[in-house]
Amino acid sequence: MDYKTTCTVPETELNNFKNDACQLLVITLDELLNVHRELITNPHRIGYYHLTFVMEGKGNLWIDSSKYKFESKTVFAASKGQIQAMEYDKNTKGFALLFTEEFINKYPQDIGWINNLLLFDHSLPSPLVFLPDTEYLELLIILSKIRAEIRIDGAFAKEEILANLLKTFILIAERLKRTTLNKKIPCEG
């Protein structure tokens, strides 16, 4: 595989998964495990943003040397520049949404908004967002729409629609992350 080396940790880009200039890639966890096992199971610095939507199964995630256990109906994210590795059994089902900063930041007012989200803030105790049934189904529908839109060749406003669907997915996960954190913060008074 084509690796750039930074501090002896391999650096990966989206073209490690697909040999074209894509800025958004939706890939099944099956394909990640079966085709890219060496890449995802070994620590690597990511040059893109990574959202993982776990539908069923369980596994382990390492981000910047911290280990987290994930399970069914979970979303987690990693930011560009972080060191990541994952392991999970072959029965784990779900999707990874990999995207570039340029894809999500189409307009000047977009620059940096994603870095202010708690979803991508790994100074928090856990990057995991556990999904209640309603939000799980909502994110599953959005993911289905993203996958359908990707398959349409040359459609009017395709990239804009994909960027907005991805932002909607991210913002729903962010809302859940904030709700979870607010419930865990004790009230004073």
Protein backbone atom coordinates (compact mmCIF):
# COMPACT_ATOMS: atom_id res chain seq x y z
CA MET A 1 0.00 0.00 0.00
CA ASP A 2 1.00 3.59 -0.53
CA TYR A 3 1.87 5.07 2.87
CA LYS A 4 3.36 8.40 3.82
CA THR A 5 5.29 8.20 7.04
CA THR A 6 4.91 10.72 9.85
CA CYS A 7 6.74 9.91 13.08
CA THR A 8 6.89 6.25 11.97
CA VAL A 9 3.08 6.04 11.98
CA PRO A 10 1.74 5.42 8.45
CA GLU A 11 -0.49 8.15 7.09
CA THR A 12 -3.51 7.20 5.02
CA GLU A 13 -5.57 9.18 2.54
CA LEU A 14 -8.87 8.35 0.84
CA ASN A 15 -7.03 7.06 -2.22
CA ASN A 16 -5.73 4.20 -0.04
CA PHE A 17 -9.30 2.87 -0.23
CA LYS A 18 -10.28 3.90 -3.75
CA ASN A 19 -7.97 4.78 -6.62
CA ASP A 20 -9.57 8.04 -7.73
CA ALA A 21 -9.94 11.56 -6.48
CA CYS A 22 -13.10 10.98 -4.45
CA GLN A 23 -13.85 13.27 -1.53
CA LEU A 24 -16.58 11.12 0.04
CA LEU A 25 -16.45 7.37 0.34
CA VAL A 26 -19.06 5.15 1.97
CA ILE A 27 -17.67 1.67 2.57
CA THR A 28 -19.12 -1.32 4.42
CA LEU A 29 -17.39 -2.56 7.54
CA ASP A 30 -17.21 -5.95 5.76
CA GLU A 31 -15.14 -4.42 2.97
CA LEU A 32 -12.95 -2.53 5.44
CA LEU A 33 -12.18 -5.79 7.23
CA ASN A 34 -11.87 -8.05 4.19
CA VAL A 35 -10.03 -5.75 1.78
CA HIS A 36 -8.23 -3.27 4.02
CA ARG A 37 -7.56 -5.37 7.14
CA GLU A 38 -3.87 -4.47 7.41
CA LEU A 39 -4.64 -0.79 7.04
CA ILE A 40 -7.44 -0.50 9.61
CA THR A 41 -6.12 -2.88 12.27
CA ASN A 42 -2.72 -1.19 12.54
CA PRO A 43 -2.32 2.32 13.94
CA HIS A 44 -2.35 4.91 11.17
CA ARG A 45 -2.72 8.69 10.99
CA ILE A 46 -5.79 9.59 8.97
CA GLY A 47 -5.70 12.40 6.42
CA TYR A 48 -9.50 12.65 6.26
CA TYR A 49 -12.52 12.58 8.57
CA HIS A 50 -13.95 9.20 9.51
CA LEU A 51 -17.45 8.43 10.80
CA THR A 52 -18.33 4.83 11.64
CA PHE A 53 -21.95 3.73 11.89
CA VAL A 54 -22.17 0.32 13.61
CA MET A 55 -25.48 -1.42 12.95
CA GLU A 56 -24.73 -4.68 14.73
CA GLY A 57 -21.77 -6.38 16.34
CA LYS A 58 -18.98 -5.16 18.55
CA GLY A 59 -15.32 -4.34 18.51
CA ASN A 60 -12.53 -2.11 19.71
CA LEU A 61 -11.41 1.30 18.56
CA TRP A 62 -8.16 3.07 19.33
CA ILE A 63 -7.88 6.81 18.81
CA ASP A 64 -4.63 8.49 19.75
CA SER A 65 -3.70 5.49 21.97
CA SER A 66 -6.99 5.44 23.95
CA LYS A 67 -9.04 2.25 23.64
CA TYR A 68 -12.84 2.20 23.42
CA LYS A 69 -15.27 -0.71 23.08
CA PHE A 70 -18.13 -0.24 20.66
CA GLU A 71 -21.31 -2.22 20.08
CA SER A 72 -24.47 -2.26 17.97
CA LYS A 73 -26.23 1.04 17.26
CA THR A 74 -23.14 3.17 17.82
CA VAL A 75 -21.59 6.05 15.89
CA PHE A 76 -18.06 7.31 16.42
CA ALA A 77 -15.84 9.77 14.66
CA ALA A 78 -12.15 10.46 14.12
CA SER A 79 -10.68 13.73 12.90
CA LYS A 80 -8.11 14.37 10.26
CA GLY A 81 -4.65 13.96 11.80
CA GLN A 82 -5.63 11.52 14.55
CA ILE A 83 -4.08 8.09 14.94
CA GLN A 84 -6.66 5.35 14.64
CA ALA A 85 -6.99 1.56 14.55
CA MET A 86 -10.02 -0.74 14.77
CA GLU A 87 -10.74 -4.40 15.24
CA TYR A 88 -14.06 -6.16 15.10
CA ASP A 89 -15.37 -9.59 14.23
CA LYS A 90 -16.60 -10.52 10.77
CA ASN A 91 -20.24 -10.49 11.95
CA THR A 92 -20.11 -6.77 12.68
CA LYS A 93 -22.25 -4.82 10.20
CA GLY A 94 -22.22 -1.14 9.40
CA PHE A 95 -20.59 1.55 7.31
CA ALA A 96 -17.67 3.93 7.37
CA LEU A 97 -18.14 7.39 5.91
CA LEU A 98 -14.77 8.80 4.92
CA PHE A 99 -14.57 12.37 3.66
CA THR A 100 -12.13 15.17 3.07
CA GLU A 101 -12.09 18.58 4.66
CA GLU A 102 -12.64 20.10 1.21
CA PHE A 103 -15.82 18.06 0.73
CA ILE A 104 -17.47 19.26 3.93
CA ASN A 105 -16.17 22.86 3.72
CA LYS A 106 -17.59 23.99 0.37
CA TYR A 107 -18.04 27.66 1.25
CA PRO A 108 -15.97 30.19 3.22
CA GLN A 109 -18.49 30.21 6.09
CA ASP A 110 -18.09 26.42 6.40
CA ILE A 111 -14.39 26.47 7.21
CA GLY A 112 -13.62 24.87 10.50
CA TRP A 113 -17.18 24.26 11.72
CA ILE A 114 -16.59 20.53 11.95
CA ASN A 115 -13.63 21.02 14.29
CA ASN A 116 -15.90 22.75 16.81
CA LEU A 117 -18.19 19.75 17.17
CA LEU A 118 -18.06 17.54 20.24
CA LEU A 119 -18.41 14.51 17.98
CA PHE A 120 -14.84 15.07 16.78
CA ASP A 121 -13.46 16.24 20.16
CA HIS A 122 -11.47 13.36 21.58
CA SER A 123 -10.48 15.22 24.72
CA LEU A 124 -13.89 14.06 25.97
CA PRO A 125 -14.13 10.79 27.91
CA SER A 126 -15.48 8.79 24.94
CA PRO A 127 -15.95 9.33 21.21
CA LEU A 128 -18.83 6.86 21.15
CA VAL A 129 -22.43 7.90 20.60
CA PHE A 130 -24.97 5.21 21.47
CA LEU A 131 -28.07 5.53 19.33
CA PRO A 132 -31.63 5.27 20.62
CA ASP A 133 -33.93 3.42 18.20
CA THR A 134 -35.51 6.57 16.72
CA GLU A 135 -32.18 8.25 15.91
CA TYR A 136 -30.69 4.96 14.74
CA LEU A 137 -33.48 4.65 12.16
CA GLU A 138 -33.16 8.32 11.20
CA LEU A 139 -29.40 7.95 10.56
CA LEU A 140 -30.00 4.70 8.68
CA ILE A 141 -32.42 6.51 6.33
CA ILE A 142 -29.94 9.35 5.75
CA LEU A 143 -27.18 6.83 5.08
CA SER A 144 -29.43 5.07 2.55
CA LYS A 145 -30.05 8.40 0.82
CA ILE A 146 -26.31 9.12 0.70
CA ARG A 147 -25.61 5.72 -0.83
CA ALA A 148 -28.41 6.17 -3.40
CA GLU A 149 -27.16 9.66 -4.35
CA ILE A 150 -23.60 8.37 -4.82
CA ARG A 151 -24.88 5.85 -7.39
CA ILE A 152 -26.50 8.54 -9.57
CA ASP A 153 -24.10 9.50 -12.36
CA GLY A 154 -23.78 13.13 -13.36
CA ALA A 155 -26.91 14.31 -11.56
CA PHE A 156 -27.62 17.99 -11.06
CA ALA A 157 -26.42 19.24 -7.63
CA LYS A 158 -25.13 15.78 -6.65
CA GLU A 159 -22.18 17.03 -4.58
CA GLU A 160 -24.30 19.68 -2.86
CA ILE A 161 -26.96 17.11 -1.94
CA LEU A 162 -24.32 14.68 -0.67
CA ALA A 163 -22.64 17.40 1.42
CA ASN A 164 -25.99 18.40 2.94
CA LEU A 165 -26.98 14.81 3.69
CA LEU A 166 -23.59 14.21 5.32
CA LYS A 167 -23.93 17.41 7.38
CA THR A 168 -27.40 16.29 8.49
CA PHE A 169 -25.99 12.90 9.55
CA ILE A 170 -23.17 14.62 11.46
CA LEU A 171 -25.48 17.14 13.15
CA ILE A 172 -27.91 14.47 14.36
CA ALA A 173 -25.00 12.52 15.85
CA GLU A 174 -23.68 15.78 17.36
CA ARG A 175 -27.07 16.52 18.94
CA LEU A 176 -27.06 13.07 20.55
CA LYS A 177 -23.49 13.57 21.77
CA ARG A 178 -24.43 16.90 23.38
CA THR A 179 -27.60 15.44 24.92
CA THR A 180 -25.59 12.57 26.40
CA LEU A 181 -22.96 14.91 27.84
CA ASN A 182 -25.60 17.25 29.31
CA LYS A 183 -27.24 14.32 31.13
CA LYS A 184 -23.90 13.35 32.70
CA ILE A 185 -23.03 16.84 33.96
CA PRO A 186 -24.42 17.25 37.48
CA CYS A 187 -26.39 20.40 38.17
CA GLU A 188 -25.10 22.67 40.92
CA GLY A 189 -27.40 24.57 43.20
